[in-house]
């Protein structure tokens, strides 16, 4: 997918949609992780019940995985880059003084407050006022 460039304003306009998507992705990941943590001992419940339960868990796992990746695909279509789902860290390509930078937003922030060089990462965040 080609890079999509944002202004601070156009990226900010995407935040409500992205916030909703990140929360959905987190919930789906928690549900998937819960299923993956289930351990069933066929000796304890019987082989037939084990097979039935295992089939149901696999079916639910694949359903949730599909929903997760479908939502991730929808998020990617906005043009943002998901850097860390647990932190809710998202970057947006932006042009500043002829070079690519990232506008940086973190779930929990009310608006985009920072930017960083492409190779700097979260540690290299700078206040957005430096762009103006």
N, C-alpha and C. Protein backbone atom coordinates (compact mmCIF):
# COMPACT_ATOMS: atom_id res chain seq x y z
N UNK A 1 0.84 -1.17 0.00
CA UNK A 1 0.00 0.00 0.00
C UNK A 1 0.90 1.24 0.00
N UNK A 2 0.63 2.19 -0.89
CA UNK A 2 1.47 3.40 -0.94
C UNK A 2 1.29 4.25 0.34
N UNK A 3 2.31 5.03 0.63
CA UNK A 3 2.26 5.91 1.78
C UNK A 3 1.14 6.93 1.60
N UNK A 4 0.46 7.20 2.69
CA UNK A 4 -0.52 8.28 2.69
C UNK A 4 0.02 9.35 3.62
N UNK A 5 0.09 10.57 3.13
CA UNK A 5 0.62 11.68 3.92
C UNK A 5 -0.52 12.46 4.55
N UNK A 6 -0.28 12.90 5.77
CA UNK A 6 -1.27 13.62 6.55
C UNK A 6 -0.72 14.98 6.97
N UNK A 7 -1.62 15.92 7.14
CA UNK A 7 -1.31 17.14 7.88
C UNK A 7 -1.70 16.84 9.32
N UNK A 8 -1.33 17.72 10.24
CA UNK A 8 -1.74 17.52 11.63
C UNK A 8 -3.26 17.46 11.71
N UNK A 9 -3.91 18.35 10.99
CA UNK A 9 -5.38 18.41 11.02
C UNK A 9 -6.02 17.15 10.42
N UNK A 10 -5.53 16.70 9.28
CA UNK A 10 -6.14 15.51 8.66
C UNK A 10 -5.90 14.25 9.49
N UNK A 11 -4.73 14.17 10.14
CA UNK A 11 -4.47 13.03 11.03
C UNK A 11 -5.38 13.11 12.25
N UNK A 12 -5.52 14.31 12.79
CA UNK A 12 -6.38 14.50 13.97
C UNK A 12 -7.82 14.09 13.66
N UNK A 13 -8.27 14.34 12.47
CA UNK A 13 -9.64 13.98 12.07
C UNK A 13 -9.86 12.46 12.08
N UNK A 14 -8.78 11.70 11.93
CA UNK A 14 -8.87 10.24 11.92
C UNK A 14 -8.88 9.63 13.33
N UNK A 15 -8.51 10.40 14.36
CA UNK A 15 -8.34 9.87 15.70
C UNK A 15 -9.58 9.17 16.26
N UNK A 16 -10.79 9.73 16.16
CA UNK A 16 -11.95 9.00 16.71
C UNK A 16 -12.13 7.61 16.10
N UNK A 17 -11.97 7.53 14.80
CA UNK A 17 -12.09 6.24 14.10
C UNK A 17 -10.97 5.28 14.54
N UNK A 18 -9.76 5.80 14.64
CA UNK A 18 -8.62 4.97 15.03
C UNK A 18 -8.74 4.51 16.48
N UNK A 19 -9.19 5.41 17.36
CA UNK A 19 -9.39 5.04 18.77
C UNK A 19 -10.37 3.87 18.88
N UNK A 20 -11.47 3.98 18.18
CA UNK A 20 -12.49 2.92 18.20
C UNK A 20 -11.91 1.60 17.68
N UNK A 21 -11.15 1.68 16.62
CA UNK A 21 -10.53 0.49 16.03
C UNK A 21 -9.51 -0.14 16.97
N UNK A 22 -8.68 0.68 17.62
CA UNK A 22 -7.68 0.15 18.55
C UNK A 22 -8.33 -0.56 19.73
N UNK A 23 -9.40 0.02 20.25
CA UNK A 23 -10.10 -0.61 21.37
C UNK A 23 -10.70 -1.94 20.96
N UNK A 24 -11.25 -1.99 19.77
CA UNK A 24 -11.81 -3.25 19.26
C UNK A 24 -10.70 -4.28 19.08
N UNK A 25 -9.57 -3.87 18.51
CA UNK A 25 -8.44 -4.78 18.31
C UNK A 25 -7.93 -5.32 19.65
N UNK A 26 -7.83 -4.47 20.63
CA UNK A 26 -7.38 -4.90 21.96
C UNK A 26 -8.33 -5.95 22.55
N UNK A 27 -9.62 -5.68 22.44
CA UNK A 27 -10.60 -6.63 22.98
C UNK A 27 -10.55 -7.97 22.25
N UNK A 28 -10.41 -7.92 20.95
CA UNK A 28 -10.31 -9.16 20.17
C UNK A 28 -9.04 -9.92 20.55
N UNK A 29 -7.94 -9.20 20.74
CA UNK A 29 -6.69 -9.85 21.13
C UNK A 29 -6.82 -10.51 22.50
N UNK A 30 -7.47 -9.85 23.43
CA UNK A 30 -7.70 -10.44 24.76
C UNK A 30 -8.52 -11.72 24.65
N UNK A 31 -9.54 -11.70 23.82
CA UNK A 31 -10.38 -12.88 23.65
C UNK A 31 -9.59 -14.02 23.00
N UNK A 32 -8.78 -13.70 22.01
CA UNK A 32 -7.94 -14.71 21.35
C UNK A 32 -6.95 -15.29 22.35
N UNK A 33 -6.31 -14.42 23.12
CA UNK A 33 -5.35 -14.88 24.13
C UNK A 33 -6.02 -15.78 25.17
N UNK A 34 -7.25 -15.45 25.54
CA UNK A 34 -7.98 -16.27 26.51
C UNK A 34 -8.22 -17.67 25.96
N UNK A 35 -8.62 -17.74 24.71
CA UNK A 35 -8.84 -19.05 24.09
C UNK A 35 -7.54 -19.84 24.02
N UNK A 36 -6.45 -19.16 23.66
CA UNK A 36 -5.17 -19.84 23.55
C UNK A 36 -4.64 -20.33 24.90
N UNK A 37 -5.13 -19.74 25.96
CA UNK A 37 -4.66 -20.13 27.30
C UNK A 37 -5.40 -21.35 27.86
N UNK A 38 -6.50 -21.73 27.21
CA UNK A 38 -7.29 -22.87 27.69
C UNK A 38 -6.53 -24.17 27.46
N UNK A 39 -6.41 -24.94 28.51
CA UNK A 39 -5.78 -26.26 28.43
C UNK A 39 -6.81 -27.29 28.89
N UNK A 40 -7.02 -28.26 28.04
CA UNK A 40 -8.01 -29.31 28.35
C UNK A 40 -7.31 -30.65 28.37
N UNK A 41 -7.57 -31.39 29.41
CA UNK A 41 -6.99 -32.72 29.55
C UNK A 41 -8.07 -33.75 29.22
N UNK A 42 -7.93 -34.46 28.10
CA UNK A 42 -8.96 -35.44 27.73
C UNK A 42 -9.16 -36.51 28.80
N UNK A 43 -8.14 -36.79 29.57
CA UNK A 43 -8.28 -37.80 30.64
C UNK A 43 -9.25 -37.35 31.72
N UNK A 44 -9.38 -36.04 31.89
CA UNK A 44 -10.26 -35.51 32.94
C UNK A 44 -11.72 -35.41 32.50
N UNK A 45 -11.95 -35.13 31.22
CA UNK A 45 -13.33 -34.90 30.78
C UNK A 45 -13.84 -35.96 29.81
N UNK A 46 -13.02 -36.82 29.37
CA UNK A 46 -13.43 -37.83 28.38
C UNK A 46 -13.09 -37.37 26.98
N UNK A 47 -12.78 -38.35 26.15
CA UNK A 47 -12.29 -38.03 24.81
C UNK A 47 -13.35 -37.37 23.93
N UNK A 48 -14.61 -37.82 24.00
CA UNK A 48 -15.66 -37.23 23.16
C UNK A 48 -15.90 -35.77 23.54
N UNK A 49 -15.97 -35.50 24.83
CA UNK A 49 -16.19 -34.13 25.27
C UNK A 49 -14.96 -33.26 24.93
N UNK A 50 -13.79 -33.85 25.02
CA UNK A 50 -12.57 -33.14 24.64
C UNK A 50 -12.64 -32.72 23.18
N UNK A 51 -13.00 -33.65 22.29
CA UNK A 51 -13.08 -33.33 20.86
C UNK A 51 -14.10 -32.24 20.59
N UNK A 52 -15.27 -32.35 21.23
CA UNK A 52 -16.32 -31.36 21.03
C UNK A 52 -15.87 -29.97 21.53
N UNK A 53 -15.29 -29.92 22.70
CA UNK A 53 -14.82 -28.66 23.27
C UNK A 53 -13.68 -28.08 22.43
N UNK A 54 -12.76 -28.93 22.02
CA UNK A 54 -11.64 -28.50 21.20
C UNK A 54 -12.13 -27.91 19.87
N UNK A 55 -13.12 -28.54 19.26
CA UNK A 55 -13.69 -28.04 18.01
C UNK A 55 -14.33 -26.67 18.21
N UNK A 56 -15.09 -26.52 19.29
CA UNK A 56 -15.73 -25.23 19.58
C UNK A 56 -14.70 -24.14 19.82
N UNK A 57 -13.66 -24.45 20.57
CA UNK A 57 -12.61 -23.47 20.83
C UNK A 57 -11.87 -23.07 19.55
N UNK A 58 -11.58 -24.06 18.72
CA UNK A 58 -10.92 -23.77 17.44
C UNK A 58 -11.79 -22.90 16.54
N UNK A 59 -13.07 -23.21 16.52
CA UNK A 59 -14.00 -22.44 15.70
C UNK A 59 -14.05 -20.98 16.19
N UNK A 60 -14.13 -20.79 17.50
CA UNK A 60 -14.17 -19.45 18.07
C UNK A 60 -12.85 -18.72 17.84
N UNK A 61 -11.74 -19.43 17.98
CA UNK A 61 -10.42 -18.84 17.73
C UNK A 61 -10.33 -18.31 16.29
N UNK A 62 -10.75 -19.11 15.34
CA UNK A 62 -10.65 -18.69 13.93
C UNK A 62 -11.62 -17.55 13.63
N UNK A 63 -12.78 -17.57 14.24
CA UNK A 63 -13.74 -16.47 14.06
C UNK A 63 -13.15 -15.17 14.59
N UNK A 64 -12.61 -15.20 15.80
CA UNK A 64 -12.02 -14.01 16.40
C UNK A 64 -10.78 -13.55 15.64
N UNK A 65 -9.97 -14.49 15.18
CA UNK A 65 -8.78 -14.15 14.39
C UNK A 65 -9.18 -13.44 13.10
N UNK A 66 -10.21 -13.94 12.45
CA UNK A 66 -10.70 -13.30 11.24
C UNK A 66 -11.15 -11.87 11.54
N UNK A 67 -11.93 -11.70 12.61
CA UNK A 67 -12.41 -10.37 12.99
C UNK A 67 -11.24 -9.45 13.30
N UNK A 68 -10.22 -9.98 13.99
CA UNK A 68 -9.04 -9.19 14.35
C UNK A 68 -8.35 -8.69 13.09
N UNK A 69 -8.06 -9.58 12.16
CA UNK A 69 -7.33 -9.18 10.96
C UNK A 69 -8.17 -8.33 10.03
N UNK A 70 -9.46 -8.51 10.03
CA UNK A 70 -10.35 -7.66 9.25
C UNK A 70 -10.31 -6.24 9.81
N UNK A 71 -10.35 -6.12 11.14
CA UNK A 71 -10.29 -4.80 11.77
C UNK A 71 -8.92 -4.16 11.55
N UNK A 72 -7.87 -4.95 11.63
CA UNK A 72 -6.52 -4.45 11.38
C UNK A 72 -6.40 -3.93 9.95
N UNK A 73 -6.99 -4.65 9.02
CA UNK A 73 -6.99 -4.22 7.62
C UNK A 73 -7.74 -2.89 7.47
N UNK A 74 -8.87 -2.75 8.15
CA UNK A 74 -9.63 -1.50 8.11
C UNK A 74 -8.80 -0.34 8.69
N UNK A 75 -8.09 -0.62 9.76
CA UNK A 75 -7.23 0.41 10.37
C UNK A 75 -6.14 0.83 9.39
N UNK A 76 -5.51 -0.14 8.75
CA UNK A 76 -4.45 0.16 7.79
C UNK A 76 -4.95 0.99 6.61
N UNK A 77 -6.21 0.80 6.24
CA UNK A 77 -6.79 1.56 5.13
C UNK A 77 -6.88 3.05 5.43
N UNK A 78 -6.86 3.43 6.70
CA UNK A 78 -6.89 4.85 7.04
C UNK A 78 -5.58 5.53 6.65
N UNK A 79 -4.51 4.73 6.51
CA UNK A 79 -3.21 5.27 6.15
C UNK A 79 -2.27 5.41 7.33
N UNK A 80 -2.77 5.16 8.53
CA UNK A 80 -1.89 5.24 9.70
C UNK A 80 -1.07 3.96 9.82
N UNK A 81 -0.05 4.01 10.67
CA UNK A 81 0.80 2.86 10.92
C UNK A 81 0.67 2.48 12.39
N UNK A 82 0.18 1.30 12.66
CA UNK A 82 0.08 0.81 14.03
C UNK A 82 1.46 0.34 14.46
N UNK A 83 2.02 0.99 15.47
CA UNK A 83 3.36 0.64 15.93
C UNK A 83 3.33 -0.30 17.12
N UNK A 84 2.32 -0.15 18.00
CA UNK A 84 2.24 -1.00 19.18
C UNK A 84 0.79 -1.03 19.65
N UNK A 85 0.17 -2.20 19.55
CA UNK A 85 -1.23 -2.33 19.93
C UNK A 85 -1.42 -2.17 21.43
N UNK A 86 -0.54 -2.77 22.23
CA UNK A 86 -0.68 -2.70 23.69
C UNK A 86 -0.60 -1.25 24.18
N UNK A 87 0.32 -0.48 23.64
CA UNK A 87 0.44 0.93 24.01
C UNK A 87 -0.57 1.80 23.28
N UNK A 88 -1.11 1.29 22.19
CA UNK A 88 -2.00 2.10 21.37
C UNK A 88 -1.23 3.17 20.62
N UNK A 89 -0.06 2.82 20.14
CA UNK A 89 0.84 3.77 19.50
C UNK A 89 0.64 3.73 17.98
N UNK A 90 0.36 4.90 17.42
CA UNK A 90 0.06 5.03 15.99
C UNK A 90 0.86 6.19 15.41
N UNK A 91 1.41 6.00 14.23
CA UNK A 91 2.13 7.05 13.51
C UNK A 91 1.42 7.36 12.20
N UNK A 92 1.62 8.60 11.75
CA UNK A 92 1.08 9.08 10.47
C UNK A 92 2.22 9.71 9.69
N UNK A 93 2.39 9.33 8.44
CA UNK A 93 3.39 9.99 7.60
C UNK A 93 2.99 11.44 7.40
N UNK A 94 4.01 12.30 7.43
CA UNK A 94 3.81 13.72 7.21
C UNK A 94 5.06 14.25 6.52
N UNK A 95 4.91 15.26 5.70
CA UNK A 95 6.05 15.93 5.07
C UNK A 95 6.33 17.21 5.85
N UNK A 96 7.59 17.40 6.21
CA UNK A 96 8.00 18.65 6.87
C UNK A 96 9.36 19.05 6.33
N UNK A 97 9.40 20.26 5.79
CA UNK A 97 10.62 20.78 5.18
C UNK A 97 11.22 19.80 4.17
N UNK A 98 10.33 19.18 3.38
CA UNK A 98 10.74 18.30 2.30
C UNK A 98 11.13 16.89 2.69
N UNK A 99 11.02 16.55 3.96
CA UNK A 99 11.37 15.19 4.36
C UNK A 99 10.21 14.52 5.09
N UNK A 100 10.25 13.18 5.08
CA UNK A 100 9.23 12.41 5.77
C UNK A 100 9.49 12.41 7.27
N UNK A 101 8.43 12.63 8.02
CA UNK A 101 8.46 12.48 9.47
C UNK A 101 7.20 11.72 9.86
N UNK A 102 7.09 11.35 11.13
CA UNK A 102 5.87 10.74 11.64
C UNK A 102 5.21 11.68 12.63
N UNK A 103 3.91 11.88 12.45
CA UNK A 103 3.10 12.45 13.50
C UNK A 103 2.78 11.28 14.42
N UNK A 104 2.89 11.48 15.70
CA UNK A 104 2.81 10.38 16.65
C UNK A 104 1.63 10.59 17.60
N UNK A 105 0.80 9.57 17.74
CA UNK A 105 -0.35 9.63 18.65
C UNK A 105 -0.40 8.36 19.47
N UNK A 106 -0.80 8.50 20.70
CA UNK A 106 -0.88 7.39 21.63
C UNK A 106 -2.29 7.34 22.20
N UNK A 107 -2.87 6.16 22.24
CA UNK A 107 -4.20 5.98 22.82
C UNK A 107 -4.20 6.57 24.22
N UNK A 108 -5.20 7.36 24.51
CA UNK A 108 -5.26 8.04 25.80
C UNK A 108 -4.98 9.53 25.64
N UNK A 109 -4.30 9.89 24.56
CA UNK A 109 -4.08 11.31 24.29
C UNK A 109 -5.31 11.86 23.59
N UNK A 110 -5.68 13.09 23.93
CA UNK A 110 -6.87 13.67 23.31
C UNK A 110 -6.61 14.17 21.89
N UNK A 111 -5.35 14.45 21.59
CA UNK A 111 -5.02 14.90 20.24
C UNK A 111 -3.56 14.57 19.94
N UNK A 112 -3.18 14.79 18.69
CA UNK A 112 -1.79 14.56 18.28
C UNK A 112 -0.95 15.68 18.88
N UNK A 113 0.02 15.28 19.69
CA UNK A 113 0.83 16.25 20.41
C UNK A 113 2.31 16.18 20.04
N UNK A 114 2.69 15.17 19.25
CA UNK A 114 4.12 14.95 19.02
C UNK A 114 4.41 14.47 17.60
N UNK A 115 5.66 14.58 17.24
CA UNK A 115 6.17 14.06 15.97
C UNK A 115 7.57 13.52 16.24
N UNK A 116 8.08 12.72 15.31
CA UNK A 116 9.45 12.25 15.41
C UNK A 116 9.99 11.90 14.04
N UNK A 117 11.31 11.89 13.95
CA UNK A 117 11.97 11.48 12.72
C UNK A 117 11.58 10.03 12.43
N UNK A 118 11.61 9.63 11.18
CA UNK A 118 11.24 8.29 10.77
C UNK A 118 12.03 7.23 11.52
N UNK A 119 13.30 7.46 11.73
CA UNK A 119 14.14 6.45 12.38
C UNK A 119 14.33 6.69 13.89
N UNK A 120 13.65 7.68 14.45
CA UNK A 120 13.85 8.01 15.87
C UNK A 120 12.96 7.20 16.81
N UNK A 121 11.76 6.89 16.39
CA UNK A 121 10.85 6.15 17.26
C UNK A 121 10.27 7.00 18.38
N UNK A 122 9.52 6.35 19.24
CA UNK A 122 8.79 7.01 20.32
C UNK A 122 9.72 7.84 21.21
N UNK A 123 10.91 7.34 21.46
CA UNK A 123 11.89 8.02 22.32
C UNK A 123 12.26 9.38 21.76
N UNK A 124 12.22 9.53 20.44
CA UNK A 124 12.62 10.78 19.80
C UNK A 124 11.48 11.76 19.58
N UNK A 125 10.41 11.60 20.32
CA UNK A 125 9.24 12.49 20.14
C UNK A 125 9.59 13.93 20.44
N UNK A 126 9.01 14.82 19.63
CA UNK A 126 9.16 16.26 19.81
C UNK A 126 7.76 16.88 19.85
N UNK A 127 7.61 17.98 20.57
CA UNK A 127 6.29 18.64 20.61
C UNK A 127 5.86 19.09 19.22
N UNK A 128 4.59 18.97 18.96
CA UNK A 128 4.05 19.30 17.64
C UNK A 128 4.25 20.78 17.30
N UNK A 129 4.38 21.64 18.30
CA UNK A 129 4.57 23.07 18.05
C UNK A 129 5.85 23.34 17.27
N UNK A 130 6.81 22.43 17.34
CA UNK A 130 8.06 22.61 16.61
C UNK A 130 7.86 22.52 15.09
N UNK A 131 6.73 22.01 14.66
CA UNK A 131 6.45 21.89 13.23
C UNK A 131 5.90 23.18 12.65
N UNK A 132 5.49 24.10 13.48
CA UNK A 132 4.81 25.30 12.99
C UNK A 132 5.72 26.49 12.89
